Protein backbone atom coordinates (compact mmCIF):
# COMPACT_ATOMS: atom_id res chain seq x y z
CA MET A 1 78.22 -39.13 122.08
CA VAL A 2 77.70 -38.22 125.73
CA ASP A 3 80.73 -40.29 126.78
CA TRP A 4 82.84 -38.52 124.13
CA LEU A 5 81.68 -35.10 125.38
CA VAL A 6 82.40 -35.97 129.00
CA GLU A 7 85.82 -37.43 128.14
CA ASN A 8 86.87 -34.38 126.13
CA THR A 9 85.52 -31.79 128.55
CA ASP A 10 87.30 -33.56 131.39
CA ARG A 11 90.48 -33.40 129.32
CA ALA A 12 89.92 -29.68 128.88
CA ALA A 13 89.66 -29.34 132.64
CA ARG A 14 92.93 -31.18 133.10
CA TYR A 15 94.61 -28.75 130.71
CA ARG A 16 93.20 -25.98 132.89
CA ILE A 17 91.25 -24.17 130.14
CA PRO A 18 88.87 -21.58 131.64
CA ILE A 19 85.72 -23.03 130.12
CA ALA A 20 83.42 -20.09 130.88
CA LEU A 21 85.80 -17.70 129.13
CA VAL A 22 85.91 -19.91 126.05
CA VAL A 23 82.10 -20.09 126.01
CA ALA A 24 81.83 -16.31 126.19
CA ALA A 25 84.37 -15.89 123.40
CA GLY A 26 82.55 -18.39 121.18
CA CYS A 27 79.23 -16.67 121.80
CA TYR A 28 80.75 -13.29 120.98
CA LEU A 29 82.22 -14.50 117.68
CA LEU A 30 78.92 -16.14 116.73
CA LEU A 31 77.01 -12.94 117.41
CA LEU A 32 79.52 -10.91 115.41
CA ALA A 33 79.02 -13.28 112.49
CA VAL A 34 75.24 -12.71 112.53
CA GLY A 35 75.49 -9.15 113.81
CA SER A 36 72.82 -7.62 111.59
CA ARG A 37 70.25 -9.85 113.31
CA LEU A 38 70.95 -7.95 116.51
CA LEU A 39 69.70 -4.84 114.68
CA ASN A 40 66.38 -6.44 113.81
CA ASP A 41 64.33 -4.07 115.95
CA ALA A 42 62.81 -0.71 115.08
CA ASP A 43 63.30 0.64 118.61
CA THR A 44 67.08 0.67 118.23
CA TYR A 45 66.76 3.84 116.13
CA TRP A 46 65.01 5.90 118.79
CA GLN A 47 67.14 4.41 121.58
CA ILE A 48 70.23 5.86 119.89
CA ALA A 49 68.46 9.15 119.12
CA LEU A 50 67.45 9.52 122.76
CA GLY A 51 71.01 8.75 123.86
CA ASP A 52 72.19 11.54 121.54
CA TRP A 53 69.62 13.87 123.11
CA ILE A 54 70.79 13.02 126.65
CA VAL A 55 74.44 13.61 125.74
CA ALA A 56 73.65 16.88 123.96
CA HIS A 57 71.44 18.27 126.74
CA ARG A 58 73.34 16.69 129.66
CA GLU A 59 70.09 15.68 131.30
CA VAL A 60 67.55 12.86 131.11
CA PRO A 61 64.08 13.41 129.64
CA HIS A 62 61.11 14.09 131.86
CA VAL A 63 58.65 14.84 129.04
CA ASP A 64 58.20 13.63 125.49
CA THR A 65 60.33 15.64 123.07
CA PHE A 66 60.01 13.48 119.95
CA SER A 67 56.40 12.77 118.99
CA ALA A 68 54.02 15.02 117.07
CA THR A 69 51.02 13.85 119.08
CA LEU A 70 52.10 14.06 122.73
CA PRO A 71 54.86 16.68 123.00
CA GLY A 72 55.40 17.81 126.58
CA THR A 73 53.59 14.80 128.05
CA PRO A 74 55.34 13.49 131.21
CA TRP A 75 57.57 10.57 130.30
CA ILE A 76 60.79 9.10 131.67
CA SER A 77 63.35 6.66 130.32
CA SER A 78 64.52 4.14 132.89
CA GLN A 79 66.94 2.89 130.22
CA TRP A 80 68.85 6.16 129.93
CA LEU A 81 72.32 4.72 130.67
CA ALA A 82 72.00 2.00 128.04
CA GLN A 83 70.78 4.59 125.54
CA VAL A 84 73.84 6.74 126.18
CA LEU A 85 76.11 3.71 125.73
CA PHE A 86 74.42 2.85 122.43
CA SER A 87 74.67 6.47 121.33
CA GLN A 88 78.38 6.61 122.01
CA ALA A 89 79.02 3.22 120.40
CA TYR A 90 77.22 4.40 117.27
CA ALA A 91 79.08 7.71 117.26
CA PHE A 92 82.40 5.85 117.54
CA ALA A 93 81.93 3.03 115.03
CA GLY A 94 78.47 3.24 113.46
CA TRP A 95 76.32 0.13 113.44
CA ALA A 96 79.41 -2.01 113.98
CA GLY A 97 79.89 -0.30 117.34
CA VAL A 98 76.29 -1.09 118.34
CA VAL A 99 76.72 -4.73 117.31
CA VAL A 100 80.02 -5.10 119.19
CA LEU A 101 78.58 -3.55 122.36
CA SER A 102 75.47 -5.75 122.29
CA ALA A 103 77.37 -8.92 121.40
CA ALA A 104 79.89 -8.31 124.19
CA ALA A 105 77.13 -7.85 126.80
CA ILE A 106 75.29 -10.99 125.71
CA ALA A 107 78.51 -13.01 125.61
CA ILE A 108 79.48 -11.85 129.12
CA ALA A 109 76.04 -12.89 130.36
CA LEU A 110 76.46 -16.37 128.89
CA GLY A 111 79.98 -16.62 130.27
CA LEU A 112 78.75 -15.67 133.74
CA LEU A 113 75.95 -18.22 133.49
CA THR A 114 78.46 -20.91 132.54
CA ARG A 115 80.74 -19.89 135.41
CA PHE A 116 77.91 -20.16 137.94
CA LEU A 117 76.86 -23.54 136.55
CA LEU A 118 80.42 -24.88 136.68
CA ASP A 119 80.51 -24.09 140.40
CA LYS A 120 77.90 -26.83 140.90
CA LEU A 121 77.80 -29.13 137.89
CA ALA A 122 80.13 -31.29 135.88
CA ILE A 123 81.25 -29.65 132.64
CA ALA A 124 78.98 -31.59 130.27
CA PRO A 125 75.63 -30.80 131.97
CA ALA A 126 76.76 -27.24 132.61
CA LEU A 127 77.45 -26.72 128.90
CA VAL A 128 74.18 -28.35 127.89
CA LEU A 129 72.17 -26.12 130.23
CA GLY A 130 74.07 -23.06 129.04
CA ALA A 131 73.49 -23.94 125.38
CA GLY A 132 69.79 -24.48 126.03
CA GLY A 133 69.61 -21.13 127.76
CA PHE A 134 71.19 -19.41 124.78
CA VAL A 135 68.72 -21.04 122.39
CA LEU A 136 65.75 -19.96 124.51
CA ALA A 137 67.07 -16.41 124.77
CA SER A 138 68.10 -16.07 121.11
CA PRO A 139 64.81 -14.67 119.69
CA HIS A 140 65.09 -11.62 121.96
CA LEU A 141 68.83 -11.04 121.68
CA LEU A 142 68.69 -7.60 120.08
CA ALA A 143 70.60 -4.34 120.27
CA ARG A 144 68.34 -2.85 122.92
CA PRO A 145 68.88 -1.82 126.55
CA HIS A 146 67.80 -5.19 127.93
CA ALA A 147 70.81 -6.80 126.19
CA LEU A 148 73.22 -4.56 128.09
CA ALA A 149 71.43 -5.46 131.34
CA LEU A 150 71.73 -9.24 130.82
CA PRO A 151 75.16 -9.62 132.52
CA VAL A 152 73.88 -7.65 135.51
CA MET A 153 70.74 -9.80 135.68
CA VAL A 154 72.73 -13.04 135.61
CA ALA A 155 75.23 -11.73 138.19
CA TRP A 156 72.43 -10.55 140.53
CA ILE A 157 70.30 -13.71 140.33
CA GLY A 158 73.37 -15.94 140.34
CA GLY A 159 74.68 -14.18 143.43
CA LEU A 160 71.37 -14.61 145.25
CA ILE A 161 71.16 -18.29 144.32
CA ARG A 162 74.76 -18.91 145.36
CA THR A 163 74.05 -17.32 148.74
CA LEU A 164 71.05 -19.60 149.10
CA ASP A 165 72.96 -22.72 148.05
CA GLU A 166 75.76 -21.97 150.51
CA ARG A 167 73.29 -20.97 153.26
CA ARG A 168 74.99 -17.63 153.87
CA ALA A 169 73.66 -14.25 154.97
CA PRO A 170 72.05 -11.92 152.39
CA PRO A 171 74.73 -10.67 149.96
CA PHE A 172 74.76 -6.93 150.67
CA ILE A 173 77.80 -6.64 148.42
CA LEU A 174 75.49 -7.22 145.45
CA LEU A 175 73.40 -4.08 146.03
CA PRO A 176 75.39 -1.90 143.56
CA LEU A 177 74.28 -4.33 140.85
CA ILE A 178 70.62 -3.46 141.34
CA THR A 179 71.52 0.22 141.07
CA LEU A 180 73.31 -0.40 137.79
CA TRP A 181 70.44 -2.55 136.53
CA ALA A 182 67.90 0.16 137.43
CA ASN A 183 69.77 2.64 135.22
CA LEU A 184 70.12 0.21 132.31
CA HIS A 185 66.66 -1.34 131.99
CA GLY A 186 63.27 -1.45 133.68
CA GLY A 187 63.54 -5.20 134.22
CA PHE A 188 65.33 -4.51 137.51
CA THR A 189 61.93 -4.75 139.21
CA PHE A 190 62.05 -8.50 138.57
CA GLY A 191 65.41 -8.58 140.34
CA ILE A 192 63.84 -7.01 143.40
CA PHE A 193 60.86 -9.35 143.27
CA PHE A 194 63.19 -12.37 143.06
CA ILE A 195 64.41 -11.63 146.58
CA ALA A 196 61.08 -12.94 147.92
CA PRO A 197 61.41 -16.62 146.87
CA VAL A 198 65.09 -16.61 147.83
CA ALA A 199 64.21 -15.33 151.30
CA LEU A 200 61.40 -17.87 151.55
CA GLU A 201 63.74 -20.78 150.83
CA ALA A 202 66.31 -19.35 153.25
CA LEU A 203 63.61 -19.44 155.94
CA TRP A 204 62.64 -22.96 154.89
CA ASN A 205 66.24 -24.15 155.28
CA ALA A 206 66.96 -22.32 158.55
CA ALA A 207 66.67 -23.96 161.93
CA PRO A 208 63.46 -22.97 163.76
CA ALA A 209 65.38 -20.98 166.37
CA GLU A 210 67.13 -18.93 163.68
CA ARG A 211 64.16 -18.12 161.44
CA ALA A 212 63.25 -14.80 163.04
CA HIS A 213 66.83 -13.58 162.63
CA VAL A 214 67.00 -14.84 159.03
CA LEU A 215 63.67 -13.16 158.21
CA LEU A 216 64.81 -9.80 159.57
CA ARG A 217 68.07 -9.93 157.63
CA TRP A 218 66.32 -10.70 154.35
CA ILE A 219 63.68 -8.02 154.96
CA GLY A 220 66.49 -5.54 155.55
CA PHE A 221 68.22 -6.70 152.37
CA GLY A 222 65.01 -6.31 150.39
CA LEU A 223 64.44 -2.78 151.68
CA LEU A 224 68.02 -1.80 150.90
CA ALA A 225 67.60 -3.25 147.40
CA VAL A 226 64.57 -1.01 146.85
CA VAL A 227 66.57 2.00 148.06
CA ALA A 228 69.49 1.04 145.81
CA ALA A 229 67.11 0.75 142.84
CA CYS A 230 65.96 4.31 143.46
CA ILE A 231 69.47 5.69 142.90
CA THR A 232 68.62 6.92 139.42
CA PRO A 233 67.98 10.37 137.94
CA TYR A 234 64.27 9.67 138.46
CA GLY A 235 64.37 8.32 142.01
CA PRO A 236 61.42 6.09 143.00
CA GLU A 237 59.53 6.90 139.79
CA SER A 238 61.64 4.29 137.95
CA LEU A 239 59.83 1.60 139.95
CA LEU A 240 56.54 2.51 138.25
CA VAL A 241 57.66 1.98 134.65
CA THR A 242 57.06 -1.78 134.67
CA SER A 243 53.51 -1.37 135.97
CA ARG A 244 52.79 1.16 133.22
CA ILE A 245 53.95 -1.27 130.56
CA LEU A 246 52.06 -4.23 131.99
CA GLY A 247 48.99 -1.99 132.27
CA LEU A 248 48.74 -1.56 128.50
CA GLY A 249 46.09 -4.29 128.32
CA GLN A 250 45.00 -5.17 124.77
CA ALA A 251 47.90 -3.24 123.27
CA LEU A 252 50.43 -5.80 124.52
CA ALA A 253 48.86 -8.53 122.38
CA LEU A 254 49.60 -6.47 119.25
CA ILE A 255 53.32 -6.05 119.97
CA ASN A 256 55.38 -9.03 118.81
CA GLU A 257 57.63 -9.34 121.87
CA TRP A 258 54.68 -9.20 124.26
CA ARG A 259 52.67 -11.90 122.50
CA PRO A 260 52.37 -15.40 123.99
CA GLN A 261 54.40 -18.28 122.59
CA ASP A 262 53.16 -19.68 119.28
CA PHE A 263 52.97 -23.47 119.20
CA SER A 264 51.39 -23.74 115.74
CA THR A 265 54.77 -24.89 114.40
CA LEU A 266 57.67 -26.63 116.14
CA ALA A 267 60.11 -23.87 117.12
CA ASN A 268 63.15 -23.66 119.40
CA PHE A 269 61.13 -22.84 122.50
CA GLU A 270 58.85 -25.87 122.19
CA LEU A 271 61.75 -28.13 121.23
CA CYS A 272 63.78 -27.13 124.31
CA LEU A 273 60.71 -27.49 126.52
CA LEU A 274 59.90 -30.98 125.23
CA LEU A 275 63.51 -32.14 125.49
CA GLY A 276 63.75 -30.80 129.04
CA ILE A 277 60.52 -32.46 130.15
CA GLY A 278 61.45 -35.73 128.45
CA PHE A 279 64.92 -35.85 130.02
CA ALA A 280 63.56 -34.97 133.48
CA LEU A 281 61.00 -37.78 133.27
CA TYR A 282 63.55 -40.26 131.92
CA ARG A 283 66.09 -39.53 134.66
CA GLY A 284 63.55 -38.93 137.43
CA LEU A 285 65.06 -35.56 138.31
CA THR A 286 63.79 -33.76 141.41
CA ILE A 287 64.23 -30.28 142.86
CA PRO A 288 62.95 -28.70 146.11
CA PRO A 289 59.35 -27.37 146.25
CA ILE A 290 60.19 -23.66 146.32
CA ARG A 291 62.50 -24.01 143.34
CA ILE A 292 59.73 -25.83 141.50
CA LEU A 293 57.52 -22.79 142.08
CA VAL A 294 60.24 -20.44 140.84
CA LEU A 295 60.82 -22.60 137.77
CA LEU A 296 57.09 -22.70 137.03
CA GLY A 297 56.92 -18.92 137.48
CA LEU A 298 59.71 -18.40 134.94
CA LEU A 299 58.01 -20.83 132.57
CA HIS A 300 54.69 -19.01 132.92
CA MET A 301 56.34 -15.68 132.13
CA ALA A 302 57.99 -17.13 129.03
CA LEU A 303 54.73 -18.71 127.85
CA ALA A 304 52.76 -15.50 128.41
CA HIS A 305 55.25 -13.18 126.66
CA THR A 306 57.87 -14.31 124.15
CA ARG A 307 60.34 -11.67 125.36
CA ASN A 308 60.63 -13.53 128.68
CA GLY A 309 62.20 -16.53 126.97
CA GLU A 310 65.57 -15.01 127.81
CA MET A 311 64.74 -15.00 131.53
CA LEU A 312 63.72 -18.65 131.43
CA GLY A 313 66.82 -19.56 129.45
CA LEU A 314 69.37 -17.63 131.50
CA LEU A 315 67.88 -17.92 134.99
CA ALA A 316 66.23 -21.35 135.18
CA PRO A 317 69.63 -23.14 134.96
CA LEU A 318 70.82 -21.11 137.94
CA VAL A 319 67.76 -22.16 139.92
CA VAL A 320 68.10 -25.89 139.25
CA ALA A 321 71.91 -26.31 139.12
CA ALA A 322 72.60 -27.06 142.81
CA PRO A 323 69.73 -29.51 143.40
CA LEU A 324 70.50 -31.32 140.13
CA ALA A 325 74.24 -31.60 140.81
CA PRO A 326 74.00 -34.87 142.80
CA GLN A 327 71.78 -36.31 140.03
CA LEU A 328 73.73 -35.12 136.98
CA GLY A 329 77.25 -35.04 138.38
CA ARG A 330 79.37 -32.50 140.23
CA ARG A 331 82.49 -30.87 138.88
CA GLU A 332 85.60 -32.14 140.66
CA THR A 333 88.18 -29.71 139.29
CA HIS A 334 89.68 -27.62 142.06
CA PRO A 335 89.52 -23.83 141.54
CA ALA A 336 93.23 -23.54 142.41
CA GLU A 337 94.11 -25.42 139.23
CA LEU A 338 92.78 -22.57 137.11
CA ARG A 339 94.61 -19.69 138.71
CA GLY A 340 97.89 -20.13 136.86
CA THR A 341 96.42 -19.77 133.36
CA ALA A 342 93.26 -17.69 133.76
CA TRP A 343 94.86 -14.26 133.30
CA PRO A 344 97.18 -15.16 130.39
CA VAL A 345 94.32 -16.89 128.58
CA THR A 346 91.99 -13.99 129.31
CA LEU A 347 94.46 -11.47 127.96
CA ALA A 348 95.12 -13.53 124.85
CA LEU A 349 91.39 -13.95 124.20
CA VAL A 350 90.68 -10.25 124.69
CA VAL A 351 93.41 -9.33 122.20
CA ALA A 352 92.19 -11.94 119.71
CA LEU A 353 88.57 -10.86 120.06
CA GLY A 354 89.56 -7.23 119.66
CA GLY A 355 91.28 -8.09 116.41
CA ALA A 356 88.27 -10.11 115.28
CA SER A 357 85.98 -7.17 116.08
CA ILE A 358 88.05 -4.77 113.98
CA ALA A 359 88.22 -7.27 111.11
CA MET A 360 84.48 -7.95 111.16
CA ALA A 361 83.70 -4.24 111.26
CA GLN A 362 85.74 -3.85 108.07
CA LEU A 363 84.39 -6.91 106.30
CA VAL A 364 80.70 -6.88 107.27
CA ASP A 365 78.31 -4.06 106.49
CA TYR A 366 76.07 -4.24 109.56
CA GLN A 367 72.68 -2.69 108.85
CA PRO A 368 69.26 -2.70 110.57
CA ASN A 369 66.34 -4.59 109.08
CA PRO A 370 65.38 -2.83 105.78
CA LEU A 371 61.69 -3.40 106.49
CA MET A 372 62.03 -1.08 109.50
CA THR A 373 64.17 1.44 107.64
CA PRO A 374 61.96 3.41 105.22
CA ALA A 375 64.83 5.63 104.08
CA ARG A 376 63.53 6.48 100.60
CA ALA A 377 60.00 6.94 101.84
CA VAL A 378 61.21 9.38 104.50
CA ALA A 379 63.17 11.24 101.83
CA ALA A 380 59.90 11.57 99.87
CA VAL A 381 58.16 12.90 103.00
CA LYS A 382 60.84 15.53 103.49
CA ALA A 383 60.67 16.49 99.82
CA SER A 384 56.90 16.99 100.10
CA GLY A 385 57.31 19.62 102.78
CA LYS A 386 54.45 18.06 104.79
CA THR A 387 54.94 17.69 108.53
CA HIS A 388 51.75 16.22 110.05
CA ILE A 389 52.66 12.55 109.67
CA LEU A 390 50.66 9.39 110.21
CA ASN A 391 53.03 6.42 110.33
CA SER A 392 53.06 2.68 110.91
CA TYR A 393 54.11 1.70 114.42
CA ASP A 394 57.40 0.11 113.29
CA PHE A 395 58.46 3.25 111.41
CA GLY A 396 58.36 5.56 114.44
CA GLY A 397 61.93 4.87 115.51
CA TYR A 398 63.39 5.63 112.09
CA LEU A 399 61.34 8.83 111.82
CA ILE A 400 62.77 10.03 115.13
CA ALA A 401 66.29 9.16 114.01
CA SER A 402 65.63 11.11 110.78
CA GLY A 403 64.57 14.22 112.66
CA LEU A 404 60.84 13.87 112.00
CA ALA A 405 58.11 13.79 114.63
CA PRO A 406 56.15 10.52 114.39
CA TYR A 407 52.50 9.97 115.14
CA ILE A 408 53.44 6.89 117.17
CA ASP A 409 56.61 4.95 117.98
CA GLY A 410 57.86 2.13 120.20
CA ARG A 411 57.44 4.02 123.48
CA THR A 412 54.07 2.36 124.01
CA GLU A 413 53.92 3.27 127.71
CA LEU A 414 53.94 6.94 126.65
CA TYR A 415 50.99 6.60 124.31
CA GLY A 416 48.92 4.26 126.43
CA GLU A 417 46.41 1.56 125.57
CA THR A 418 43.61 3.83 124.29
CA PHE A 419 45.83 5.78 121.90
CA PHE A 420 47.60 2.63 120.66
CA MET A 421 44.37 0.75 120.02
CA ARG A 422 42.81 3.77 118.27
CA HIS A 423 45.78 3.93 115.91
CA ASP A 424 45.65 0.18 115.23
CA ARG A 425 41.89 0.10 114.59
CA ALA A 426 42.12 3.11 112.30
CA THR A 427 45.06 2.03 110.13
CA SER A 428 43.81 -1.57 109.91
CA LEU A 429 40.39 -0.20 108.86
CA GLN A 430 38.56 -2.08 111.58
CA ASP A 431 36.73 1.25 111.86
CA VAL A 432 36.86 3.23 108.60
CA GLY A 433 35.11 6.18 110.22
CA ALA A 434 37.78 6.30 112.93
CA PHE A 435 40.48 6.43 110.25
CA LEU A 436 38.81 9.29 108.40
CA ARG A 437 38.28 11.18 111.65
CA LEU A 438 41.92 10.64 112.59
CA LEU A 439 43.03 12.17 109.28
CA ARG A 440 40.74 15.13 109.84
CA ASP A 441 41.03 15.79 113.55
CA ASP A 442 44.81 15.39 113.70
CA GLN A 443 45.25 17.40 110.48
CA ILE A 444 47.30 14.66 108.86
CA ASP A 445 48.79 15.78 105.54
CA VAL A 446 51.23 12.90 104.84
CA THR A 447 51.24 9.18 105.64
CA VAL A 448 54.10 6.65 105.78
CA LEU A 449 52.58 3.20 106.04
CA ALA A 450 53.76 -0.35 105.41
CA PRO A 451 52.45 -1.68 102.05
CA HIS A 452 50.31 -4.38 103.70
CA THR A 453 48.45 -1.82 105.84
CA PRO A 454 44.73 -1.82 104.84
CA ALA A 455 44.60 1.98 105.03
CA VAL A 456 46.96 2.20 102.05
CA GLY A 457 44.29 0.86 99.70
CA LEU A 458 41.71 3.31 101.01
CA LEU A 459 44.07 6.27 100.62
CA ASP A 460 44.60 5.27 96.98
CA ARG A 461 40.86 5.77 96.44
CA LEU A 462 40.29 8.97 98.40
CA PRO A 463 40.09 11.98 96.05
CA ASP A 464 41.91 14.27 98.51
CA TRP A 465 44.97 12.01 98.66
CA GLN A 466 47.65 10.96 96.20
CA ARG A 467 50.36 8.30 96.30
CA VAL A 468 53.74 10.00 95.84
CA TYR A 469 56.11 7.15 96.62
CA SER A 470 56.04 3.39 97.19
CA ASP A 471 58.41 0.46 97.46
CA ASN A 472 58.39 -2.88 99.27
CA VAL A 473 59.09 -1.11 102.59
CA ALA A 474 56.68 1.84 102.75
CA VAL A 475 54.05 3.80 100.85
CA VAL A 476 53.78 7.58 101.08
CA HIS A 477 50.55 9.50 100.46
CA THR A 478 50.14 13.26 100.66
CA ARG A 479 47.01 15.33 100.93
CA ARG A 480 46.25 17.20 97.73
CA ALA A 481 46.34 20.96 97.88
CA ALA A 482 42.88 22.48 98.24
CA GLN A 483 41.57 23.75 94.93
CA PRO A 484 40.76 27.47 94.86
CA ALA A 485 37.06 28.29 94.65
CA ARG A 486 35.84 29.13 91.14
CA LYS A 487 34.77 32.69 90.43
CA ASP A 488 31.64 33.12 88.36
């Protein structure tokens, strides 16, 4: 099987097919085919709503304007540019526009990864590493700002690694990428942090007489990267968003994407990990010490939080490609062989993919996950005339998109650990008294909760509350009108 793959990929190289472009196109078509899965996140609703708000007001938010509980509280969105892009994609083509935008960004990221790998590796190992990266990243490939930042992340890290592999000076030409990343998603702070191990290995590789000069150049590059990251509507404040999220403590363990990996059943992450370890042991693969530390750091992040599987999948191959090339095989195709066909093939693929996008938009009804779209329940809330809402966490985004002020939504860094945990303990009835006090103190007069929420059963039994709507997505209760006092 391996011999067949090598033989056929070498034949593809002889026919001068731009492999990375074909990989990106294949990824894009695959994502279009399963496009509704990209919409499997409740936050997509409020991301689009916030993009609409930014476009309408021609400014970025500095305070909360959506929630019923914390209006006017200082809050910024370091993802404002991605939110505007999603907003405009939705305005242009509905959910199909959101799917196309997200799929294109993810496909470009995978194409860039493949291109970087092909600079060092033979085609077969490059494709295997790229495919493994896609599998590891797939659980978190969603229509959210981080998806639009993936190509920038791969380009930034790939550029740093290439500089290191070629033992060149810091790549100051890459600095605009960190500015773009800082306006798309808060993960840019990782990009800045990644400069440290790259600089450390550059020092390790430098001759003793040159190390002081190398250190100064990388320190200067790091400082300029920080300055470039501050070129946002919020300035240096954008740098603090990551620390606010990571400071949520216990709340992170209750949010699916921030939970650690689950090894109770054999899933893609564990399968890729075991195959990678087994192959490395079988072949006796080795990489330099600093890259081992970087690889272990990426692995730790992915084990600690499932959302970081994409970083392990898309960045670890970049880290190990050059040191593994002598052990797995280098690519021998000369870049000049590709120049004659790259542009014609690119143009033909872009036209074909454009046609496929239009066709899929007509044939497929892309829709978000119904379990995060309580449309009929929200209609019942609006019909009730009640406005003081208590909602399940996953319904907050849809409430915002529907023009209602939620009690809580996916902007967890706005609400903070104490507020988030209070809401969870109350609605899960870990503290019944806390739930009753929440209803009273916050003057709640209508609830929109998922059917499995323990508080639903209690509301059914409280004399002051009545169930007015229910389906398999949400249950709506309203507070009964106070009875007038009897006159004797």
